[in-house]
Amino acid sequence: MSERSEFTGGVLACLFFSLLFFLSVTFTFSLTFPWVYAAFERWMARNTVIDGRPLVFVGTGGDLFWHYLLWLILTVVTFGIYGFWLFIKLTAWKVRHTHFADTYRP
């Protein structure tokens, strides 16, 4: 029998990250998005347990920034067509940087 899986994050943190995402888009033209996204994913992982095993997210905004900038440029150059791949690329980056905390070794 598998152990319990759960998410323990709260609504206040969700509201805080929603505000940060909004401010990132509004005031910095999304250039701070990688740091907000990485902080959000750290929070998500820190509050997630799968089959009794906690997660850890080790990505940083600095790790994501140049990838994100390239993806934005490709989206603009292709008149938005690359935007369909942007979600896939961002999800792949997130998964590569998410690990089970009990087995992760930096």
N, C-alpha and C. Protein backbone atom coordinates (compact mmCIF):
# COMPACT_ATOMS: atom_id res chain seq x y z
N MET A 1 0.84 -1.18 0.00
CA MET A 1 0.00 0.00 0.00
C MET A 1 0.89 1.24 0.00
N SER A 2 0.59 2.19 -0.86
CA SER A 2 1.42 3.40 -0.95
C SER A 2 1.08 4.37 0.17
N GLU A 3 2.05 5.21 0.48
CA GLU A 3 1.84 6.22 1.51
C GLU A 3 1.04 7.38 0.93
N ARG A 4 0.74 8.28 1.78
CA ARG A 4 -0.12 9.41 1.43
C ARG A 4 0.61 10.45 0.57
N SER A 5 -0.10 11.00 -0.40
CA SER A 5 0.39 12.13 -1.18
C SER A 5 -0.46 13.34 -0.82
N GLU A 6 0.21 14.50 -0.66
CA GLU A 6 -0.55 15.68 -0.26
C GLU A 6 0.16 16.96 -0.66
N PHE A 7 -0.61 18.02 -0.69
CA PHE A 7 -0.09 19.36 -0.91
C PHE A 7 -0.55 20.21 0.27
N THR A 8 0.40 20.91 0.91
CA THR A 8 0.07 21.64 2.14
C THR A 8 0.15 23.15 1.99
N GLY A 9 0.31 23.64 0.78
CA GLY A 9 0.39 25.08 0.55
C GLY A 9 -0.93 25.78 0.87
N GLY A 10 -0.83 27.07 1.17
CA GLY A 10 -2.01 27.84 1.54
C GLY A 10 -2.40 28.90 0.52
N VAL A 11 -3.57 29.44 0.70
CA VAL A 11 -4.12 30.42 -0.24
C VAL A 11 -3.37 31.75 -0.19
N LEU A 12 -2.85 32.15 0.95
CA LEU A 12 -2.13 33.42 1.03
C LEU A 12 -0.87 33.41 0.17
N ALA A 13 -0.15 32.31 0.18
CA ALA A 13 1.04 32.21 -0.66
C ALA A 13 0.65 32.23 -2.13
N CYS A 14 -0.46 31.58 -2.47
CA CYS A 14 -0.93 31.60 -3.86
C CYS A 14 -1.25 33.02 -4.29
N LEU A 15 -1.92 33.77 -3.43
CA LEU A 15 -2.22 35.17 -3.74
C LEU A 15 -0.94 35.99 -3.89
N PHE A 16 0.04 35.75 -3.02
CA PHE A 16 1.31 36.45 -3.08
C PHE A 16 2.01 36.18 -4.42
N PHE A 17 2.07 34.92 -4.84
CA PHE A 17 2.73 34.59 -6.10
C PHE A 17 1.94 35.12 -7.29
N SER A 18 0.62 35.15 -7.20
CA SER A 18 -0.18 35.75 -8.27
C SER A 18 0.16 37.23 -8.41
N LEU A 19 0.31 37.91 -7.30
CA LEU A 19 0.70 39.32 -7.31
C LEU A 19 2.10 39.49 -7.91
N LEU A 20 3.03 38.63 -7.52
CA LEU A 20 4.39 38.71 -8.07
C LEU A 20 4.40 38.47 -9.58
N PHE A 21 3.62 37.49 -10.06
CA PHE A 21 3.54 37.24 -11.50
C PHE A 21 2.97 38.47 -12.21
N PHE A 22 1.93 39.05 -11.66
CA PHE A 22 1.32 40.24 -12.24
C PHE A 22 2.33 41.40 -12.30
N LEU A 23 3.04 41.63 -11.20
CA LEU A 23 4.02 42.71 -11.17
C LEU A 23 5.16 42.45 -12.14
N SER A 24 5.56 41.19 -12.27
CA SER A 24 6.63 40.83 -13.20
C SER A 24 6.24 41.18 -14.63
N VAL A 25 5.02 40.85 -15.01
CA VAL A 25 4.57 41.12 -16.37
C VAL A 25 4.35 42.62 -16.58
N THR A 26 3.76 43.28 -15.60
CA THR A 26 3.38 44.67 -15.73
C THR A 26 4.55 45.64 -15.71
N PHE A 27 5.45 45.47 -14.77
CA PHE A 27 6.49 46.47 -14.56
C PHE A 27 7.86 46.11 -15.12
N THR A 28 8.12 44.85 -15.39
CA THR A 28 9.44 44.48 -15.90
C THR A 28 9.37 43.81 -17.26
N PHE A 29 8.20 43.87 -17.90
CA PHE A 29 8.02 43.24 -19.21
C PHE A 29 8.42 41.77 -19.18
N SER A 30 8.15 41.12 -18.09
CA SER A 30 8.39 39.68 -17.86
C SER A 30 9.85 39.30 -17.68
N LEU A 31 10.76 40.25 -17.59
CA LEU A 31 12.17 39.91 -17.43
C LEU A 31 12.47 39.30 -16.06
N THR A 32 11.64 39.57 -15.05
CA THR A 32 11.84 38.97 -13.73
C THR A 32 11.06 37.66 -13.59
N PHE A 33 10.33 37.29 -14.63
CA PHE A 33 9.54 36.06 -14.57
C PHE A 33 10.34 34.84 -14.15
N PRO A 34 11.56 34.60 -14.67
CA PRO A 34 12.30 33.39 -14.27
C PRO A 34 12.52 33.28 -12.76
N TRP A 35 12.77 34.40 -12.08
CA TRP A 35 12.99 34.36 -10.63
C TRP A 35 11.69 34.12 -9.87
N VAL A 36 10.61 34.73 -10.34
CA VAL A 36 9.31 34.51 -9.71
C VAL A 36 8.88 33.06 -9.92
N TYR A 37 9.07 32.56 -11.13
CA TYR A 37 8.70 31.18 -11.44
C TYR A 37 9.49 30.18 -10.60
N ALA A 38 10.80 30.41 -10.49
CA ALA A 38 11.64 29.50 -9.68
C ALA A 38 11.23 29.54 -8.22
N ALA A 39 10.93 30.71 -7.68
CA ALA A 39 10.48 30.81 -6.29
C ALA A 39 9.15 30.09 -6.10
N PHE A 40 8.25 30.24 -7.08
CA PHE A 40 6.96 29.56 -7.01
C PHE A 40 7.15 28.04 -7.03
N GLU A 41 8.01 27.54 -7.90
CA GLU A 41 8.24 26.09 -7.97
C GLU A 41 8.92 25.56 -6.71
N ARG A 42 9.81 26.35 -6.09
CA ARG A 42 10.40 25.94 -4.81
C ARG A 42 9.31 25.80 -3.75
N TRP A 43 8.40 26.77 -3.72
CA TRP A 43 7.29 26.73 -2.76
C TRP A 43 6.39 25.51 -3.02
N MET A 44 6.08 25.26 -4.31
CA MET A 44 5.24 24.11 -4.65
C MET A 44 5.89 22.81 -4.19
N ALA A 45 7.18 22.65 -4.50
CA ALA A 45 7.88 21.42 -4.12
C ALA A 45 7.97 21.27 -2.61
N ARG A 46 8.26 22.38 -1.93
CA ARG A 46 8.40 22.35 -0.47
C ARG A 46 7.09 21.93 0.22
N ASN A 47 5.97 22.16 -0.45
CA ASN A 47 4.66 21.84 0.12
C ASN A 47 4.03 20.60 -0.50
N THR A 48 4.81 19.81 -1.22
CA THR A 48 4.29 18.61 -1.89
C THR A 48 4.97 17.36 -1.37
N VAL A 49 4.17 16.35 -1.06
CA VAL A 49 4.65 15.03 -0.67
C VAL A 49 3.97 14.02 -1.58
N ILE A 50 4.75 13.15 -2.23
CA ILE A 50 4.21 12.13 -3.11
C ILE A 50 4.59 10.77 -2.56
N ASP A 51 3.60 9.96 -2.27
CA ASP A 51 3.82 8.64 -1.66
C ASP A 51 4.73 8.73 -0.44
N GLY A 52 4.52 9.74 0.38
CA GLY A 52 5.28 9.91 1.61
C GLY A 52 6.67 10.49 1.42
N ARG A 53 7.01 10.88 0.20
CA ARG A 53 8.35 11.41 -0.10
C ARG A 53 8.25 12.88 -0.47
N PRO A 54 8.90 13.76 0.28
CA PRO A 54 8.84 15.19 -0.03
C PRO A 54 9.67 15.50 -1.29
N LEU A 55 9.28 16.57 -1.95
CA LEU A 55 9.99 17.02 -3.15
C LEU A 55 10.91 18.19 -2.81
N VAL A 56 11.89 18.40 -3.68
CA VAL A 56 12.76 19.57 -3.58
C VAL A 56 12.94 20.11 -5.00
N PHE A 57 12.88 21.43 -5.13
CA PHE A 57 13.12 22.07 -6.42
C PHE A 57 14.44 22.82 -6.32
N VAL A 58 15.36 22.57 -7.25
CA VAL A 58 16.71 23.14 -7.15
C VAL A 58 17.03 24.14 -8.26
N GLY A 59 16.06 24.46 -9.10
CA GLY A 59 16.30 25.44 -10.15
C GLY A 59 16.33 26.86 -9.59
N THR A 60 17.00 27.76 -10.31
CA THR A 60 17.05 29.16 -9.91
C THR A 60 16.63 30.04 -11.09
N GLY A 61 16.27 31.27 -10.77
CA GLY A 61 15.93 32.21 -11.83
C GLY A 61 17.08 32.45 -12.78
N GLY A 62 18.29 32.48 -12.23
CA GLY A 62 19.47 32.66 -13.07
C GLY A 62 19.66 31.50 -14.04
N ASP A 63 19.36 30.27 -13.58
CA ASP A 63 19.44 29.09 -14.47
C ASP A 63 18.46 29.21 -15.63
N LEU A 64 17.29 29.73 -15.33
CA LEU A 64 16.21 29.80 -16.32
C LEU A 64 16.31 31.01 -17.22
N PHE A 65 16.93 32.09 -16.78
CA PHE A 65 16.85 33.38 -17.48
C PHE A 65 17.23 33.30 -18.96
N TRP A 66 18.41 32.75 -19.29
CA TRP A 66 18.85 32.75 -20.68
C TRP A 66 17.99 31.85 -21.55
N HIS A 67 17.53 30.74 -21.00
CA HIS A 67 16.59 29.88 -21.75
C HIS A 67 15.31 30.66 -22.03
N TYR A 68 14.80 31.28 -20.99
CA TYR A 68 13.55 32.03 -21.11
C TYR A 68 13.68 33.16 -22.12
N LEU A 69 14.78 33.89 -22.07
CA LEU A 69 15.00 34.99 -23.00
C LEU A 69 15.03 34.48 -24.45
N LEU A 70 15.74 33.37 -24.68
CA LEU A 70 15.77 32.77 -26.00
C LEU A 70 14.37 32.36 -26.45
N TRP A 71 13.61 31.74 -25.55
CA TRP A 71 12.25 31.30 -25.89
C TRP A 71 11.36 32.49 -26.22
N LEU A 72 11.51 33.60 -25.49
CA LEU A 72 10.72 34.80 -25.79
C LEU A 72 11.09 35.36 -27.16
N ILE A 73 12.38 35.42 -27.45
CA ILE A 73 12.82 35.92 -28.75
C ILE A 73 12.28 35.05 -29.88
N LEU A 74 12.37 33.73 -29.71
CA LEU A 74 11.83 32.81 -30.72
C LEU A 74 10.33 32.98 -30.89
N THR A 75 9.63 33.25 -29.81
CA THR A 75 8.18 33.47 -29.89
C THR A 75 7.87 34.73 -30.68
N VAL A 76 8.63 35.79 -30.44
CA VAL A 76 8.41 37.04 -31.17
C VAL A 76 8.77 36.88 -32.65
N VAL A 77 9.93 36.28 -32.92
CA VAL A 77 10.40 36.12 -34.30
C VAL A 77 9.44 35.25 -35.12
N THR A 78 8.82 34.26 -34.49
CA THR A 78 7.91 33.37 -35.21
C THR A 78 6.46 33.82 -35.10
N PHE A 79 6.26 35.08 -34.71
CA PHE A 79 4.91 35.65 -34.58
C PHE A 79 4.01 34.82 -33.67
N GLY A 80 4.59 34.33 -32.59
CA GLY A 80 3.82 33.61 -31.58
C GLY A 80 3.76 32.11 -31.73
N ILE A 81 4.19 31.61 -32.87
CA ILE A 81 4.09 30.16 -33.10
C ILE A 81 4.92 29.37 -32.10
N TYR A 82 6.14 29.87 -31.77
CA TYR A 82 6.98 29.15 -30.80
C TYR A 82 6.35 29.12 -29.41
N GLY A 83 5.40 29.98 -29.16
CA GLY A 83 4.71 30.00 -27.88
C GLY A 83 4.09 28.65 -27.52
N PHE A 84 3.72 27.88 -28.54
CA PHE A 84 3.17 26.55 -28.29
C PHE A 84 4.22 25.64 -27.65
N TRP A 85 5.48 25.82 -28.01
CA TRP A 85 6.57 25.02 -27.45
C TRP A 85 7.08 25.60 -26.13
N LEU A 86 6.84 26.87 -25.90
CA LEU A 86 7.34 27.53 -24.70
C LEU A 86 6.84 26.83 -23.43
N PHE A 87 5.56 26.48 -23.40
CA PHE A 87 5.00 25.78 -22.24
C PHE A 87 5.69 24.43 -22.04
N ILE A 88 5.93 23.72 -23.14
CA ILE A 88 6.59 22.41 -23.05
C ILE A 88 8.02 22.58 -22.54
N LYS A 89 8.75 23.57 -23.06
CA LYS A 89 10.13 23.82 -22.64
C LYS A 89 10.18 24.19 -21.16
N LEU A 90 9.26 25.05 -20.72
CA LEU A 90 9.23 25.47 -19.32
C LEU A 90 8.90 24.29 -18.40
N THR A 91 7.97 23.46 -18.82
CA THR A 91 7.62 22.27 -18.02
C THR A 91 8.80 21.30 -17.95
N ALA A 92 9.49 21.09 -19.06
CA ALA A 92 10.66 20.20 -19.06
C ALA A 92 11.74 20.73 -18.14
N TRP A 93 11.96 22.05 -18.15
CA TRP A 93 12.96 22.66 -17.26
C TRP A 93 12.57 22.43 -15.80
N LYS A 94 11.29 22.62 -15.49
CA LYS A 94 10.80 22.41 -14.12
C LYS A 94 11.03 20.97 -13.67
N VAL A 95 10.68 20.02 -14.51
CA VAL A 95 10.81 18.61 -14.16
C VAL A 95 12.27 18.22 -13.97
N ARG A 96 13.18 18.76 -14.81
CA ARG A 96 14.61 18.45 -14.66
C ARG A 96 15.16 18.95 -13.33
N HIS A 97 14.54 19.94 -12.74
CA HIS A 97 15.04 20.54 -11.50
C HIS A 97 14.21 20.15 -10.27
N THR A 98 13.30 19.20 -10.42
CA THR A 98 12.49 18.73 -9.30
C THR A 98 12.89 17.29 -8.97
N HIS A 99 13.16 17.05 -7.68
CA HIS A 99 13.64 15.74 -7.25
C HIS A 99 12.95 15.33 -5.95
N PHE A 100 13.06 14.05 -5.62
CA PHE A 100 12.66 13.61 -4.30
C PHE A 100 13.74 14.06 -3.33
N ALA A 101 13.34 14.71 -2.25
CA ALA A 101 14.29 15.29 -1.31
C ALA A 101 15.19 14.23 -0.65
N ASP A 102 14.65 13.04 -0.43
CA ASP A 102 15.43 12.03 0.28
C ASP A 102 16.51 11.37 -0.58
N THR A 103 16.46 11.53 -1.89
CA THR A 103 17.48 10.92 -2.74
C THR A 103 18.31 11.94 -3.50
N TYR A 104 17.99 13.21 -3.38
CA TYR A 104 18.72 14.24 -4.16
C TYR A 104 20.07 14.52 -3.51
N ARG A 105 21.09 14.49 -4.35
CA ARG A 105 22.45 14.85 -3.91
C ARG A 105 22.97 15.89 -4.87
N PRO A 106 23.26 17.11 -4.41
CA PRO A 106 23.73 18.17 -5.34
C PRO A 106 25.07 17.86 -5.96
